[in-house]
N, C-alpha and C. Protein backbone atom coordinates (compact mmCIF):
# COMPACT_ATOMS: atom_id res chain seq x y z
N MET A 1 66.25 113.45 102.73
CA MET A 1 67.38 113.21 103.10
C MET A 1 67.33 114.84 104.01
N GLU A 2 67.80 114.10 105.56
CA GLU A 2 67.93 114.83 106.50
C GLU A 2 69.21 115.82 106.84
N PHE A 3 69.19 116.43 107.68
CA PHE A 3 70.50 117.10 107.66
C PHE A 3 71.58 116.23 108.44
N SER A 4 71.42 115.41 109.54
CA SER A 4 72.04 114.67 110.20
C SER A 4 72.62 113.69 109.13
N ASP A 5 72.04 113.51 108.20
CA ASP A 5 72.88 112.50 106.78
C ASP A 5 73.44 113.16 106.27
N ILE A 6 73.50 114.54 106.05
CA ILE A 6 74.50 115.32 105.02
C ILE A 6 75.66 115.55 106.49
N LEU A 7 75.67 115.82 107.70
CA LEU A 7 77.04 115.76 108.80
C LEU A 7 77.28 114.79 108.43
N ARG A 8 76.59 113.16 108.71
CA ARG A 8 77.10 112.03 108.70
C ARG A 8 78.39 111.91 107.78
N ASN A 9 78.13 112.44 106.55
CA ASN A 9 78.68 111.91 104.99
C ASN A 9 80.08 112.98 105.17
N LEU A 10 79.93 114.07 106.01
CA LEU A 10 80.98 115.02 106.28
C LEU A 10 82.13 114.58 107.54
N LYS A 11 81.94 113.56 107.95
CA LYS A 11 82.90 112.97 108.93
C LYS A 11 84.46 112.67 108.30
N ILE A 12 85.56 112.67 108.84
CA ILE A 12 86.51 112.65 108.42
C ILE A 12 87.14 111.45 108.93
N ASP A 13 86.65 110.11 107.90
CA ASP A 13 86.84 109.02 108.56
C ASP A 13 87.90 108.02 107.60
N THR A 14 88.28 108.59 106.63
CA THR A 14 88.99 108.12 105.54
C THR A 14 90.25 109.10 105.31
N TRP A 15 90.98 108.66 104.71
CA TRP A 15 92.38 109.31 104.04
C TRP A 15 92.29 110.20 103.13
N TYR A 16 91.02 110.06 101.87
CA TYR A 16 90.84 110.87 100.97
C TYR A 16 89.85 112.00 101.54
N LYS A 17 88.94 111.61 102.83
CA LYS A 17 88.46 112.84 103.29
C LYS A 17 89.21 113.79 103.70
N ALA A 18 90.44 113.55 104.37
CA ALA A 18 91.19 114.23 105.26
C ALA A 18 92.11 115.24 104.17
N PHE A 19 92.62 114.34 102.83
CA PHE A 19 92.91 115.08 102.00
C PHE A 19 92.17 116.51 101.30
N VAL A 20 90.43 116.15 100.97
CA VAL A 20 89.96 117.22 100.86
C VAL A 20 89.76 118.43 101.74
N TYR A 21 89.59 117.82 102.78
CA TYR A 21 89.81 119.07 104.05
C TYR A 21 90.84 120.18 103.99
N LEU A 22 91.79 119.14 104.34
CA LEU A 22 93.08 119.91 104.33
C LEU A 22 93.55 120.75 102.81
N GLY A 23 93.48 120.42 102.03
CA GLY A 23 93.49 120.75 100.63
C GLY A 23 92.63 122.20 100.59
N GLY A 24 91.56 121.79 101.00
CA GLY A 24 90.24 123.45 101.00
C GLY A 24 90.91 124.29 101.96
N LEU A 25 91.21 123.83 102.87
CA LEU A 25 91.35 124.95 104.11
C LEU A 25 92.67 125.43 103.98
N VAL A 26 93.57 124.67 103.36
CA VAL A 26 95.04 125.35 103.15
C VAL A 26 94.93 126.65 101.54
N LEU A 27 94.21 125.84 100.76
CA LEU A 27 93.85 126.70 99.83
C LEU A 27 92.86 128.21 99.88
N ALA A 28 92.02 127.94 100.80
CA ALA A 28 91.45 129.17 101.09
C ALA A 28 92.25 129.98 102.21
N ILE A 29 93.01 129.43 102.78
CA ILE A 29 93.67 130.39 103.82
C ILE A 29 95.15 131.01 102.89
N SER A 30 95.78 130.29 101.67
CA SER A 30 96.44 130.90 101.47
C SER A 30 96.00 132.19 100.38
N PHE A 31 95.06 132.43 100.10
CA PHE A 31 94.18 133.38 99.55
C PHE A 31 94.48 134.74 100.15
N PHE A 32 94.49 134.33 101.55
CA PHE A 32 94.66 135.69 102.43
C PHE A 32 95.71 136.08 103.38
N VAL A 33 96.41 134.62 103.54
CA VAL A 33 97.63 134.98 104.17
C VAL A 33 98.88 134.70 103.41
N GLU A 34 99.85 135.48 103.75
CA GLU A 34 101.06 135.20 102.87
C GLU A 34 101.90 134.09 103.46
N ALA A 35 102.09 133.64 102.71
CA ALA A 35 103.04 132.11 103.16
C ALA A 35 104.71 132.25 103.21
N LYS A 36 105.03 131.63 104.10
CA LYS A 36 106.93 131.57 104.24
C LYS A 36 107.47 130.65 103.56
N GLY A 37 108.70 130.89 102.71
CA GLY A 37 109.51 129.94 102.05
C GLY A 37 109.39 129.58 100.93
N ILE A 38 107.75 129.70 100.35
CA ILE A 38 107.36 129.38 99.04
C ILE A 38 106.42 130.39 98.68
N THR A 39 106.40 130.58 97.69
CA THR A 39 105.47 131.50 97.10
C THR A 39 103.61 130.65 97.13
N ASN A 40 102.65 131.91 97.71
CA ASN A 40 101.20 131.82 97.40
C ASN A 40 100.93 131.03 96.30
N THR A 41 101.18 131.10 94.97
CA THR A 41 101.26 130.47 94.06
C THR A 41 101.51 128.66 94.10
N GLN A 42 102.55 128.61 94.60
CA GLN A 42 103.38 127.36 94.76
C GLN A 42 102.48 126.48 95.74
N LEU A 43 102.28 127.13 96.91
CA LEU A 43 101.08 126.89 97.78
C LEU A 43 99.73 126.32 97.30
N GLN A 44 99.14 127.08 96.45
CA GLN A 44 97.91 127.17 95.79
C GLN A 44 97.87 125.96 94.98
N LEU A 45 98.82 125.67 94.14
CA LEU A 45 98.96 124.62 92.99
C LEU A 45 98.94 123.05 93.99
N LEU A 46 99.78 123.29 95.24
CA LEU A 46 99.76 121.98 95.76
C LEU A 46 98.58 121.80 96.79
N SER A 47 98.01 122.97 97.19
CA SER A 47 96.75 122.47 97.95
C SER A 47 95.48 122.14 97.43
N ALA A 48 95.50 122.80 95.98
CA ALA A 48 94.42 122.38 94.93
C ALA A 48 94.45 121.13 94.48
N GLY A 49 95.78 120.92 94.08
CA GLY A 49 96.24 119.29 93.63
C GLY A 49 95.44 118.60 94.91
N ILE A 50 95.94 119.20 96.19
CA ILE A 50 95.70 117.56 97.22
C ILE A 50 94.42 117.56 97.20
N PHE A 51 93.66 118.84 97.28
CA PHE A 51 91.90 119.04 97.20
C PHE A 51 91.29 117.87 96.18
N PHE A 52 91.78 118.49 94.80
CA PHE A 52 91.20 117.63 93.92
C PHE A 52 91.59 116.41 93.66
N PHE A 53 92.77 116.05 94.08
CA PHE A 53 92.84 114.67 94.10
C PHE A 53 92.00 113.55 95.23
N GLY A 54 91.66 114.06 96.39
CA GLY A 54 91.02 113.90 97.53
C GLY A 54 89.65 113.79 97.32
N ILE A 55 89.21 114.62 96.37
CA ILE A 55 87.84 114.68 95.81
C ILE A 55 87.43 113.27 94.70
N GLY A 56 88.72 113.17 93.89
CA GLY A 56 88.56 111.99 92.66
C GLY A 56 88.54 110.76 93.84
N GLU A 57 89.10 110.75 94.61
CA GLU A 57 89.37 109.65 95.45
C GLU A 57 88.03 109.39 96.26
N TRP A 58 87.30 110.09 96.69
CA TRP A 58 86.02 109.83 97.29
C TRP A 58 84.78 109.73 96.05
N LYS A 59 84.91 110.14 94.99
CA LYS A 59 84.14 109.95 94.08
C LYS A 59 84.39 108.48 93.49
N ASN A 60 85.35 107.71 93.69
CA ASN A 60 85.78 106.45 93.23
C ASN A 60 85.26 105.61 94.03
N HIS A 61 85.43 106.16 95.55
CA HIS A 61 85.08 104.94 96.37
C HIS A 61 83.28 105.25 96.57
N LYS A 62 82.89 103.84 96.65
CA LYS A 62 81.18 103.44 96.74
C LYS A 62 81.21 102.51 97.56
N LEU A 63 79.79 103.02 98.25
CA LEU A 63 79.31 102.16 99.29
C LEU A 63 78.75 100.80 98.37
N LEU A 64 78.85 99.72 98.85
CA LEU A 64 78.17 98.34 98.05
C LEU A 64 77.49 97.73 99.24
N VAL A 65 76.07 97.61 98.79
CA VAL A 65 75.02 97.20 99.54
C VAL A 65 74.41 95.78 99.08
N GLU A 66 74.28 94.82 99.94
CA GLU A 66 73.70 93.48 99.57
C GLU A 66 72.96 93.35 100.31
N HIS A 67 71.72 92.60 99.78
CA HIS A 67 70.67 92.43 100.70
C HIS A 67 70.40 90.85 100.75
N ARG A 68 70.88 89.95 102.01
CA ARG A 68 70.74 88.98 102.35
C ARG A 68 69.56 88.58 102.99
N PRO A 69 69.01 87.25 103.24
CA PRO A 69 68.06 87.10 103.83
C PRO A 69 67.31 87.53 105.33
N THR A 70 68.92 87.38 105.99
CA THR A 70 68.58 88.26 107.24
C THR A 70 69.22 89.27 107.64
N VAL A 71 70.30 89.92 106.94
CA VAL A 71 70.89 90.87 107.05
C VAL A 71 71.00 92.10 105.85
N LEU A 72 71.45 92.82 105.97
CA LEU A 72 71.82 93.95 105.14
C LEU A 72 73.41 94.62 105.00
N ILE A 73 73.86 94.22 104.37
CA ILE A 73 75.59 94.40 104.21
C ILE A 73 76.28 95.52 103.51
N GLN A 74 76.59 96.08 103.88
CA GLN A 74 77.14 97.37 103.28
C GLN A 74 78.86 97.63 103.74
N TYR A 75 79.63 97.54 102.62
CA TYR A 75 80.83 97.65 102.53
C TYR A 75 81.49 98.55 101.66
N PRO A 76 82.60 99.18 101.76
CA PRO A 76 83.05 100.07 100.71
C PRO A 76 83.81 99.56 99.33
N ILE A 77 83.85 99.76 98.39
CA ILE A 77 84.53 99.14 97.28
C ILE A 77 85.19 100.40 96.46
N ARG A 78 86.15 100.36 95.81
CA ARG A 78 86.66 101.40 95.02
C ARG A 78 86.18 100.93 93.54
N LYS A 79 85.72 101.99 93.26
CA LYS A 79 85.08 101.49 91.60
C LYS A 79 85.27 102.83 90.92
N PRO A 80 86.42 103.17 90.09
CA PRO A 80 86.72 104.16 89.57
C PRO A 80 85.65 104.36 88.32
N ASP A 81 85.23 105.68 88.27
CA ASP A 81 84.62 106.13 87.08
C ASP A 81 84.90 107.18 86.03
N PHE A 82 84.60 107.64 85.07
CA PHE A 82 85.38 108.81 84.66
C PHE A 82 85.32 109.98 85.26
N PHE A 83 84.64 110.48 86.10
CA PHE A 83 84.74 112.11 86.60
C PHE A 83 85.67 111.70 87.42
N GLY A 84 85.40 110.63 88.10
CA GLY A 84 86.75 110.68 89.63
C GLY A 84 88.06 110.19 89.07
N VAL A 85 88.26 109.50 87.61
CA VAL A 85 89.62 109.55 87.14
C VAL A 85 90.20 110.88 86.73
N ILE A 86 89.02 111.73 85.99
CA ILE A 86 89.58 112.88 85.42
C ILE A 86 90.20 113.86 86.82
N LEU A 87 89.29 113.71 88.11
CA LEU A 87 89.72 114.69 88.76
C LEU A 87 90.89 114.15 89.62
N GLU A 88 91.40 113.00 89.73
CA GLU A 88 92.31 112.46 90.07
C GLU A 88 93.44 112.97 89.17
N LEU A 89 93.46 112.88 87.86
CA LEU A 89 94.34 113.33 87.04
C LEU A 89 94.70 114.89 87.00
N ILE A 90 93.63 115.41 87.46
CA ILE A 90 94.08 117.28 87.56
C ILE A 90 94.60 117.50 88.84
N GLY A 91 94.71 116.68 89.77
CA GLY A 91 95.35 116.66 91.18
C GLY A 91 96.24 116.32 91.08
N THR A 92 96.80 115.18 90.58
CA THR A 92 98.41 114.64 90.34
C THR A 92 98.85 115.79 89.23
N THR A 93 98.25 116.03 88.34
CA THR A 93 99.33 117.35 87.71
C THR A 93 99.77 118.13 88.66
N LEU A 94 98.84 118.78 89.36
CA LEU A 94 98.97 120.22 89.97
C LEU A 94 99.82 120.11 91.05
N ILE A 95 99.80 118.71 91.92
CA ILE A 95 100.84 118.65 92.49
C ILE A 95 102.22 118.21 91.73
N ILE A 96 102.39 117.72 91.08
CA ILE A 96 103.63 117.92 90.09
C ILE A 96 104.17 118.86 89.79
N LEU A 97 103.45 119.53 88.92
CA LEU A 97 103.93 121.08 88.57
C LEU A 97 104.11 121.77 90.12
N SER A 98 103.54 121.67 91.12
CA SER A 98 103.83 122.69 92.20
C SER A 98 105.16 121.95 92.73
N ILE A 99 105.35 120.99 92.80
CA ILE A 99 106.52 120.29 93.58
C ILE A 99 107.69 120.91 92.42
N TRP A 100 107.69 120.57 91.01
CA TRP A 100 108.43 120.91 90.07
C TRP A 100 108.76 122.46 90.17
N SER A 101 107.63 123.21 90.56
CA SER A 101 107.91 124.91 90.55
C SER A 101 108.75 125.18 91.92
N ILE A 102 108.47 124.27 93.42
CA ILE A 102 109.26 124.38 94.32
C ILE A 102 110.50 124.17 94.36
N ILE A 103 111.05 122.89 93.55
CA ILE A 103 112.54 122.40 93.34
C ILE A 103 113.00 123.24 92.11
N LYS A 104 112.34 123.88 91.04
CA LYS A 104 113.17 124.91 90.23
C LYS A 104 113.42 126.11 91.05
N LYS A 105 112.98 126.69 91.91
CA LYS A 105 113.16 127.92 92.71
C LYS A 105 114.26 127.64 93.32
């Protein structure tokens, strides 16, 4: 696998990859910058939840490859597996906890 292949997989071309990058970026920034309006813990819970949910969706979206006589067909499908569903459940739980914490405040 070449380095250009790795970079090609990092393109933000789907919504779940945007969730991963946005959640990871906000999570990293929240460790060093004080948030206004909500606590940093609430922001970290929310961004970690978005990050984990995005990773879970990324894991559950596979690329199906079919070999036909004259062509190679590739198209994405959503095929959940155990680890992807666990990551989505962790992300959803963290998002719900953060929203509940924000509303409770």
